[in-house]
Amino acid sequence: MIKRIVRAIVGVLGVLAGLVAVGFAIEAISDFGNPAVPIRFTILAEILLCSMAFFGLALGISSLRMAWNGRDERRNNWIWPIILGIGCLFPGFLFSLPLTLFWANHIWPGDGQRSLAAIEVSVYIGIAAAVFCSVALFIRRSPPK
């Protein structure tokens, strides 16, 4: 019974986090028309926000289904390695950010926009982590029965 309650709480929090990320992703679409923002930053921000929204909604809905049924119904399909790989994008970004900020400070001391370069590199590292995790999880999954 405790497991079902925890799964329900995680599910509700995941769905709420996904909906908040969807709201921010919709709001960030207006940056495509802003000439002051480079297009690659806008595309990277949309990728990050949409992946967070997709992962939050997928995790929340899956947890709510497990809480409702009382059992894990994840079958051995191809979508879960991709969803969990997308979930690795944000930790890859977050854990690489201090290193890239240090790198940018070392390369461009005194430049006011060095943090933008560090953030861009960290987003690329997060995307690489998501692809790597998706491929690794896809290879490790057992074959369908």
N, C-alpha and C. Protein backbone atom coordinates (compact mmCIF):
# COMPACT_ATOMS: atom_id res chain seq x y z
N MET A 1 0.82 -1.20 0.00
CA MET A 1 0.00 0.00 0.00
C MET A 1 0.86 1.27 0.00
N ILE A 2 1.97 1.22 0.75
CA ILE A 2 2.87 2.38 0.81
C ILE A 2 3.47 2.63 -0.57
N LYS A 3 3.82 1.56 -1.28
CA LYS A 3 4.41 1.72 -2.61
C LYS A 3 3.44 2.42 -3.57
N ARG A 4 2.18 2.07 -3.46
CA ARG A 4 1.19 2.70 -4.34
C ARG A 4 1.01 4.17 -4.02
N ILE A 5 1.08 4.53 -2.75
CA ILE A 5 0.96 5.93 -2.37
C ILE A 5 2.16 6.73 -2.87
N VAL A 6 3.35 6.16 -2.71
CA VAL A 6 4.57 6.84 -3.18
C VAL A 6 4.53 6.98 -4.70
N ARG A 7 4.09 5.93 -5.39
CA ARG A 7 3.99 6.01 -6.85
C ARG A 7 2.97 7.06 -7.28
N ALA A 8 1.88 7.17 -6.54
CA ALA A 8 0.88 8.19 -6.88
C ALA A 8 1.44 9.60 -6.67
N ILE A 9 2.19 9.80 -5.59
CA ILE A 9 2.78 11.11 -5.34
C ILE A 9 3.80 11.44 -6.42
N VAL A 10 4.66 10.47 -6.76
CA VAL A 10 5.65 10.69 -7.82
C VAL A 10 4.95 10.96 -9.15
N GLY A 11 3.86 10.25 -9.40
CA GLY A 11 3.11 10.44 -10.64
C GLY A 11 2.51 11.83 -10.74
N VAL A 12 1.90 12.29 -9.67
CA VAL A 12 1.31 13.63 -9.69
C VAL A 12 2.39 14.70 -9.85
N LEU A 13 3.50 14.54 -9.13
CA LEU A 13 4.60 15.51 -9.27
C LEU A 13 5.20 15.48 -10.67
N GLY A 14 5.31 14.29 -11.26
CA GLY A 14 5.84 14.20 -12.62
C GLY A 14 4.93 14.86 -13.63
N VAL A 15 3.63 14.64 -13.51
CA VAL A 15 2.69 15.27 -14.43
C VAL A 15 2.69 16.79 -14.26
N LEU A 16 2.72 17.26 -13.02
CA LEU A 16 2.76 18.71 -12.79
C LEU A 16 4.05 19.32 -13.34
N ALA A 17 5.19 18.65 -13.12
CA ALA A 17 6.45 19.16 -13.67
C ALA A 17 6.42 19.17 -15.19
N GLY A 18 5.83 18.14 -15.78
CA GLY A 18 5.71 18.10 -17.23
C GLY A 18 4.83 19.21 -17.76
N LEU A 19 3.74 19.50 -17.07
CA LEU A 19 2.85 20.57 -17.52
C LEU A 19 3.51 21.94 -17.37
N VAL A 20 4.28 22.13 -16.30
CA VAL A 20 5.01 23.40 -16.15
C VAL A 20 6.03 23.55 -17.27
N ALA A 21 6.74 22.47 -17.60
CA ALA A 21 7.72 22.53 -18.69
C ALA A 21 7.04 22.78 -20.03
N VAL A 22 5.85 22.23 -20.24
CA VAL A 22 5.10 22.50 -21.47
C VAL A 22 4.75 23.99 -21.54
N GLY A 23 4.34 24.57 -20.41
CA GLY A 23 4.04 26.00 -20.39
C GLY A 23 5.25 26.85 -20.74
N PHE A 24 6.40 26.51 -20.19
CA PHE A 24 7.61 27.25 -20.51
C PHE A 24 8.03 27.04 -21.96
N ALA A 25 7.83 25.83 -22.48
CA ALA A 25 8.18 25.56 -23.89
C ALA A 25 7.29 26.36 -24.82
N ILE A 26 6.02 26.48 -24.50
CA ILE A 26 5.11 27.26 -25.33
C ILE A 26 5.47 28.74 -25.25
N GLU A 27 5.83 29.20 -24.06
CA GLU A 27 6.22 30.60 -23.90
C GLU A 27 7.53 30.90 -24.63
N ALA A 28 8.44 29.94 -24.69
CA ALA A 28 9.74 30.16 -25.32
C ALA A 28 9.65 30.18 -26.85
N ILE A 29 8.54 29.78 -27.41
CA ILE A 29 8.38 29.82 -28.86
C ILE A 29 8.45 31.26 -29.37
N SER A 30 8.09 32.21 -28.53
CA SER A 30 8.13 33.62 -28.95
C SER A 30 9.56 34.10 -29.21
N ASP A 31 10.56 33.39 -28.70
CA ASP A 31 11.95 33.78 -28.94
C ASP A 31 12.38 33.56 -30.38
N PHE A 32 11.64 32.76 -31.14
CA PHE A 32 12.00 32.55 -32.54
C PHE A 32 11.86 33.85 -33.34
N GLY A 33 11.00 34.74 -32.95
CA GLY A 33 10.82 36.01 -33.65
C GLY A 33 11.67 37.14 -33.10
N ASN A 34 12.43 36.88 -32.04
CA ASN A 34 13.26 37.91 -31.43
C ASN A 34 14.62 37.95 -32.11
N PRO A 35 14.96 39.06 -32.78
CA PRO A 35 16.26 39.11 -33.48
C PRO A 35 17.46 39.20 -32.54
N ALA A 36 17.25 39.52 -31.26
CA ALA A 36 18.36 39.63 -30.32
C ALA A 36 18.84 38.27 -29.83
N VAL A 37 18.02 37.23 -30.01
CA VAL A 37 18.38 35.89 -29.54
C VAL A 37 18.83 35.06 -30.74
N PRO A 38 20.04 34.49 -30.70
CA PRO A 38 20.48 33.63 -31.80
C PRO A 38 19.58 32.41 -31.94
N ILE A 39 19.38 31.98 -33.17
CA ILE A 39 18.45 30.88 -33.44
C ILE A 39 18.93 29.58 -32.81
N ARG A 40 20.24 29.37 -32.73
CA ARG A 40 20.72 28.11 -32.15
C ARG A 40 20.42 28.06 -30.65
N PHE A 41 20.45 29.20 -29.95
CA PHE A 41 20.08 29.21 -28.53
C PHE A 41 18.60 28.92 -28.35
N THR A 42 17.80 29.45 -29.25
CA THR A 42 16.36 29.21 -29.17
C THR A 42 16.05 27.74 -29.43
N ILE A 43 16.70 27.16 -30.41
CA ILE A 43 16.47 25.75 -30.71
C ILE A 43 16.93 24.87 -29.56
N LEU A 44 18.10 25.17 -28.99
CA LEU A 44 18.60 24.38 -27.86
C LEU A 44 17.67 24.50 -26.64
N ALA A 45 17.17 25.71 -26.39
CA ALA A 45 16.24 25.89 -25.27
C ALA A 45 14.95 25.11 -25.49
N GLU A 46 14.45 25.11 -26.71
CA GLU A 46 13.23 24.35 -27.01
C GLU A 46 13.46 22.86 -26.87
N ILE A 47 14.62 22.38 -27.32
CA ILE A 47 14.94 20.95 -27.16
C ILE A 47 14.98 20.58 -25.68
N LEU A 48 15.64 21.41 -24.89
CA LEU A 48 15.74 21.14 -23.46
C LEU A 48 14.38 21.17 -22.78
N LEU A 49 13.57 22.19 -23.06
CA LEU A 49 12.26 22.30 -22.43
C LEU A 49 11.30 21.20 -22.87
N CYS A 50 11.30 20.90 -24.16
CA CYS A 50 10.39 19.86 -24.65
C CYS A 50 10.79 18.48 -24.14
N SER A 51 12.10 18.21 -24.03
CA SER A 51 12.52 16.92 -23.51
C SER A 51 12.17 16.79 -22.03
N MET A 52 12.32 17.88 -21.27
CA MET A 52 11.92 17.83 -19.87
C MET A 52 10.41 17.62 -19.73
N ALA A 53 9.64 18.27 -20.58
CA ALA A 53 8.19 18.10 -20.53
C ALA A 53 7.79 16.67 -20.90
N PHE A 54 8.40 16.14 -21.94
CA PHE A 54 8.08 14.78 -22.37
C PHE A 54 8.45 13.77 -21.30
N PHE A 55 9.65 13.90 -20.72
CA PHE A 55 10.08 12.97 -19.69
C PHE A 55 9.20 13.07 -18.45
N GLY A 56 8.88 14.30 -18.02
CA GLY A 56 8.04 14.46 -16.84
C GLY A 56 6.65 13.87 -17.03
N LEU A 57 6.06 14.12 -18.19
CA LEU A 57 4.73 13.56 -18.45
C LEU A 57 4.77 12.04 -18.57
N ALA A 58 5.78 11.50 -19.24
CA ALA A 58 5.88 10.05 -19.39
C ALA A 58 6.10 9.37 -18.04
N LEU A 59 6.99 9.92 -17.23
CA LEU A 59 7.24 9.35 -15.91
C LEU A 59 6.01 9.47 -15.02
N GLY A 60 5.35 10.61 -15.06
CA GLY A 60 4.17 10.82 -14.23
C GLY A 60 3.02 9.91 -14.60
N ILE A 61 2.75 9.80 -15.89
CA ILE A 61 1.65 8.94 -16.33
C ILE A 61 1.95 7.49 -16.02
N SER A 62 3.20 7.06 -16.23
CA SER A 62 3.58 5.68 -15.93
C SER A 62 3.44 5.39 -14.43
N SER A 63 3.87 6.33 -13.59
CA SER A 63 3.76 6.13 -12.15
C SER A 63 2.31 6.12 -11.69
N LEU A 64 1.49 6.97 -12.29
CA LEU A 64 0.06 6.95 -11.93
C LEU A 64 -0.60 5.64 -12.36
N ARG A 65 -0.22 5.12 -13.52
CA ARG A 65 -0.77 3.81 -13.94
C ARG A 65 -0.33 2.70 -13.00
N MET A 66 0.94 2.75 -12.56
CA MET A 66 1.41 1.74 -11.61
C MET A 66 0.70 1.88 -10.27
N ALA A 67 0.42 3.10 -9.83
CA ALA A 67 -0.28 3.30 -8.57
C ALA A 67 -1.73 2.82 -8.67
N TRP A 68 -2.34 3.03 -9.81
CA TRP A 68 -3.73 2.64 -9.98
C TRP A 68 -3.87 1.12 -10.05
N ASN A 69 -3.01 0.46 -10.83
CA ASN A 69 -3.11 -0.99 -11.02
C ASN A 69 -2.42 -1.79 -9.92
N GLY A 70 -1.43 -1.20 -9.26
CA GLY A 70 -0.72 -1.91 -8.22
C GLY A 70 0.41 -2.79 -8.73
N ARG A 71 0.67 -2.76 -10.01
CA ARG A 71 1.78 -3.56 -10.56
C ARG A 71 2.43 -2.79 -11.70
N ASP A 72 3.66 -3.17 -11.95
CA ASP A 72 4.44 -2.53 -13.01
C ASP A 72 4.08 -3.18 -14.34
N GLU A 73 3.51 -2.39 -15.23
CA GLU A 73 3.07 -2.93 -16.51
C GLU A 73 3.99 -2.54 -17.65
N ARG A 74 5.20 -2.11 -17.32
CA ARG A 74 6.12 -1.77 -18.39
C ARG A 74 6.54 -3.04 -19.10
N ARG A 75 6.15 -3.14 -20.30
CA ARG A 75 6.57 -4.28 -21.09
C ARG A 75 7.93 -4.00 -21.67
N ASN A 76 8.49 -4.99 -22.23
CA ASN A 76 9.84 -4.85 -22.77
C ASN A 76 9.75 -4.27 -24.18
N ASN A 77 9.44 -3.00 -24.27
CA ASN A 77 9.33 -2.38 -25.58
C ASN A 77 10.48 -1.40 -25.79
N TRP A 78 10.50 -0.78 -26.93
CA TRP A 78 11.61 0.08 -27.33
C TRP A 78 11.47 1.52 -26.83
N ILE A 79 10.31 1.91 -26.35
CA ILE A 79 10.10 3.31 -25.98
C ILE A 79 10.73 3.68 -24.64
N TRP A 80 10.80 2.75 -23.69
CA TRP A 80 11.33 3.09 -22.37
C TRP A 80 12.81 3.43 -22.38
N PRO A 81 13.65 2.75 -23.15
CA PRO A 81 15.05 3.22 -23.21
C PRO A 81 15.17 4.63 -23.77
N ILE A 82 14.31 5.00 -24.69
CA ILE A 82 14.35 6.35 -25.25
C ILE A 82 13.87 7.38 -24.23
N ILE A 83 12.81 7.08 -23.52
CA ILE A 83 12.29 8.00 -22.51
C ILE A 83 13.31 8.19 -21.38
N LEU A 84 13.91 7.11 -20.91
CA LEU A 84 14.91 7.23 -19.85
C LEU A 84 16.17 7.92 -20.36
N GLY A 85 16.51 7.71 -21.62
CA GLY A 85 17.65 8.42 -22.20
C GLY A 85 17.41 9.91 -22.27
N ILE A 86 16.19 10.31 -22.64
CA ILE A 86 15.84 11.73 -22.65
C ILE A 86 15.92 12.30 -21.24
N GLY A 87 15.58 11.49 -20.26
CA GLY A 87 15.70 11.93 -18.87
C GLY A 87 17.13 12.18 -18.44
N CYS A 88 18.09 11.62 -19.17
CA CYS A 88 19.52 11.84 -18.86
C CYS A 88 20.03 13.15 -19.42
N LEU A 89 19.26 13.84 -20.24
CA LEU A 89 19.70 15.11 -20.82
C LEU A 89 19.95 16.15 -19.74
N PHE A 90 19.02 16.31 -18.84
CA PHE A 90 19.15 17.35 -17.82
C PHE A 90 20.29 17.08 -16.84
N PRO A 91 20.47 15.84 -16.32
CA PRO A 91 21.64 15.61 -15.46
C PRO A 91 22.96 15.80 -16.21
N GLY A 92 23.02 15.41 -17.47
CA GLY A 92 24.23 15.64 -18.25
C GLY A 92 24.54 17.11 -18.38
N PHE A 93 23.51 17.90 -18.60
CA PHE A 93 23.66 19.36 -18.68
C PHE A 93 24.09 19.92 -17.33
N LEU A 94 23.41 19.52 -16.29
CA LEU A 94 23.63 20.10 -14.97
C LEU A 94 25.01 19.75 -14.41
N PHE A 95 25.46 18.51 -14.58
CA PHE A 95 26.75 18.11 -14.03
C PHE A 95 27.92 18.63 -14.85
N SER A 96 27.71 18.93 -16.12
CA SER A 96 28.81 19.46 -16.92
C SER A 96 28.91 20.99 -16.84
N LEU A 97 27.88 21.64 -16.36
CA LEU A 97 27.88 23.10 -16.33
C LEU A 97 28.99 23.71 -15.48
N PRO A 98 29.28 23.22 -14.26
CA PRO A 98 30.40 23.82 -13.51
C PRO A 98 31.73 23.69 -14.24
N LEU A 99 31.96 22.57 -14.89
CA LEU A 99 33.21 22.39 -15.62
C LEU A 99 33.30 23.31 -16.82
N THR A 100 32.22 23.46 -17.55
CA THR A 100 32.26 24.34 -18.72
C THR A 100 32.33 25.81 -18.31
N LEU A 101 31.72 26.17 -17.18
CA LEU A 101 31.87 27.54 -16.69
C LEU A 101 33.32 27.82 -16.30
N PHE A 102 33.97 26.86 -15.66
CA PHE A 102 35.38 27.01 -15.32
C PHE A 102 36.22 27.11 -16.59
N TRP A 103 35.91 26.28 -17.57
CA TRP A 103 36.63 26.30 -18.85
C TRP A 103 36.46 27.66 -19.55
N ALA A 104 35.24 28.16 -19.60
CA ALA A 104 34.99 29.44 -20.27
C ALA A 104 35.66 30.59 -19.53
N ASN A 105 35.70 30.52 -18.21
CA ASN A 105 36.38 31.55 -17.44
C ASN A 105 37.89 31.52 -17.69
N HIS A 106 38.43 30.34 -17.91
CA HIS A 106 39.85 30.21 -18.19
C HIS A 106 40.20 30.68 -19.61
N ILE A 107 39.35 30.36 -20.57
CA ILE A 107 39.62 30.70 -21.97
C ILE A 107 39.38 32.19 -22.23
N TRP A 108 38.27 32.73 -21.73
CA TRP A 108 37.90 34.12 -21.99
C TRP A 108 37.79 34.90 -20.67
N PRO A 109 38.88 35.18 -19.99
CA PRO A 109 38.75 35.94 -18.73
C PRO A 109 38.33 37.37 -19.02
N GLY A 110 37.41 37.86 -18.23
CA GLY A 110 36.95 39.23 -18.37
C GLY A 110 35.85 39.43 -19.40
N ASP A 111 35.52 38.41 -20.17
CA ASP A 111 34.45 38.54 -21.16
C ASP A 111 33.11 38.35 -20.46
N GLY A 112 32.20 39.25 -20.69
CA GLY A 112 30.90 39.21 -20.01
C GLY A 112 29.98 38.12 -20.51
N GLN A 113 30.21 37.59 -21.71
CA GLN A 113 29.31 36.59 -22.27
C GLN A 113 29.92 35.20 -22.31
N ARG A 114 30.92 34.97 -21.49
CA ARG A 114 31.55 33.65 -21.48
C ARG A 114 30.62 32.58 -20.95
N SER A 115 29.67 32.97 -20.10
CA SER A 115 28.74 31.98 -19.55
C SER A 115 27.80 31.44 -20.63
N LEU A 116 27.49 32.24 -21.65
CA LEU A 116 26.64 31.75 -22.73
C LEU A 116 27.32 30.63 -23.50
N ALA A 117 28.62 30.76 -23.73
CA ALA A 117 29.35 29.69 -24.40
C ALA A 117 29.39 28.44 -23.54
N ALA A 118 29.56 28.62 -22.23
CA ALA A 118 29.58 27.47 -21.33
C ALA A 118 28.23 26.77 -21.30
N ILE A 119 27.16 27.53 -21.30
CA ILE A 119 25.83 26.93 -21.29
C ILE A 119 25.58 26.18 -22.59
N GLU A 120 26.01 26.74 -23.69
CA GLU A 120 25.81 26.07 -24.97
C GLU A 120 26.58 24.74 -25.02
N VAL A 121 27.81 24.75 -24.57
CA VAL A 121 28.59 23.51 -24.55
C VAL A 121 27.96 22.49 -23.61
N SER A 122 27.43 22.94 -22.47
CA SER A 122 26.79 22.02 -21.53
C SER A 122 25.52 21.42 -22.12
N VAL A 123 24.79 22.19 -22.91
CA VAL A 123 23.60 21.64 -23.57
C VAL A 123 24.02 20.55 -24.57
N TYR A 124 25.09 20.79 -25.31
CA TYR A 124 25.57 19.77 -26.23
C TYR A 124 26.02 18.52 -25.49
N ILE A 125 26.67 18.69 -24.34
CA ILE A 125 27.07 17.54 -23.53
C ILE A 125 25.84 16.80 -23.02
N GLY A 126 24.80 17.53 -22.62
CA GLY A 126 23.56 16.90 -22.18
C GLY A 126 22.89 16.12 -23.30
N ILE A 127 22.89 16.66 -24.52
CA ILE A 127 22.32 15.94 -25.65
C ILE A 127 23.13 14.68 -25.94
N ALA A 128 24.46 14.78 -25.85
CA ALA A 128 25.30 13.61 -26.05
C ALA A 128 25.04 12.56 -24.97
N ALA A 129 24.84 12.99 -23.73
CA ALA A 129 24.53 12.06 -22.65
C ALA A 129 23.19 11.37 -22.89
N ALA A 130 22.21 12.12 -23.39
CA ALA A 130 20.90 11.53 -23.67
C ALA A 130 21.00 10.49 -24.78
N VAL A 131 21.74 10.80 -25.82
CA VAL A 131 21.90 9.83 -26.92
C VAL A 131 22.65 8.61 -26.43
N PHE A 132 23.73 8.82 -25.69
CA PHE A 132 24.52 7.70 -25.18
C PHE A 132 23.69 6.81 -24.26
N CYS A 133 22.95 7.40 -23.34
CA CYS A 133 22.12 6.62 -22.41
C CYS A 133 21.01 5.87 -23.15
N SER A 134 20.41 6.51 -24.14
CA SER A 134 19.36 5.83 -24.92
C SER A 134 19.92 4.62 -25.65
N VAL A 135 21.07 4.79 -26.27
CA VAL A 135 21.68 3.67 -27.00
C VAL A 135 22.08 2.56 -26.03
N ALA A 136 22.70 2.92 -24.90
CA ALA A 136 23.12 1.92 -23.92
C ALA A 136 21.93 1.16 -23.35
N LEU A 137 20.87 1.87 -23.01
CA LEU A 137 19.68 1.21 -22.47
C LEU A 137 18.96 0.38 -23.53
N PHE A 138 19.00 0.85 -24.77
CA PHE A 138 18.36 0.08 -25.84
C PHE A 138 19.11 -1.22 -26.10
N ILE A 139 20.44 -1.18 -26.02
CA ILE A 139 21.24 -2.39 -26.23
C ILE A 139 21.07 -3.36 -25.06
N ARG A 140 20.94 -2.84 -23.83
CA ARG A 140 20.85 -3.69 -22.66
C ARG A 140 19.48 -4.31 -22.44
N ARG A 141 18.47 -3.81 -23.10
CA ARG A 141 17.13 -4.38 -22.87
C ARG A 141 17.09 -5.80 -23.40
N SER A 142 16.32 -6.62 -22.75
CA SER A 142 16.22 -8.00 -23.18
C SER A 142 15.31 -8.08 -24.40
N PRO A 143 15.52 -9.06 -25.25
CA PRO A 143 14.70 -9.15 -26.46
C PRO A 143 13.24 -9.46 -26.14
N PRO A 144 12.31 -8.98 -26.98
CA PRO A 144 10.88 -9.24 -26.71
C PRO A 144 10.57 -10.71 -26.79
N LYS A 145 9.58 -11.11 -25.99
CA LYS A 145 9.19 -12.53 -25.93
C LYS A 145 8.17 -12.85 -26.96
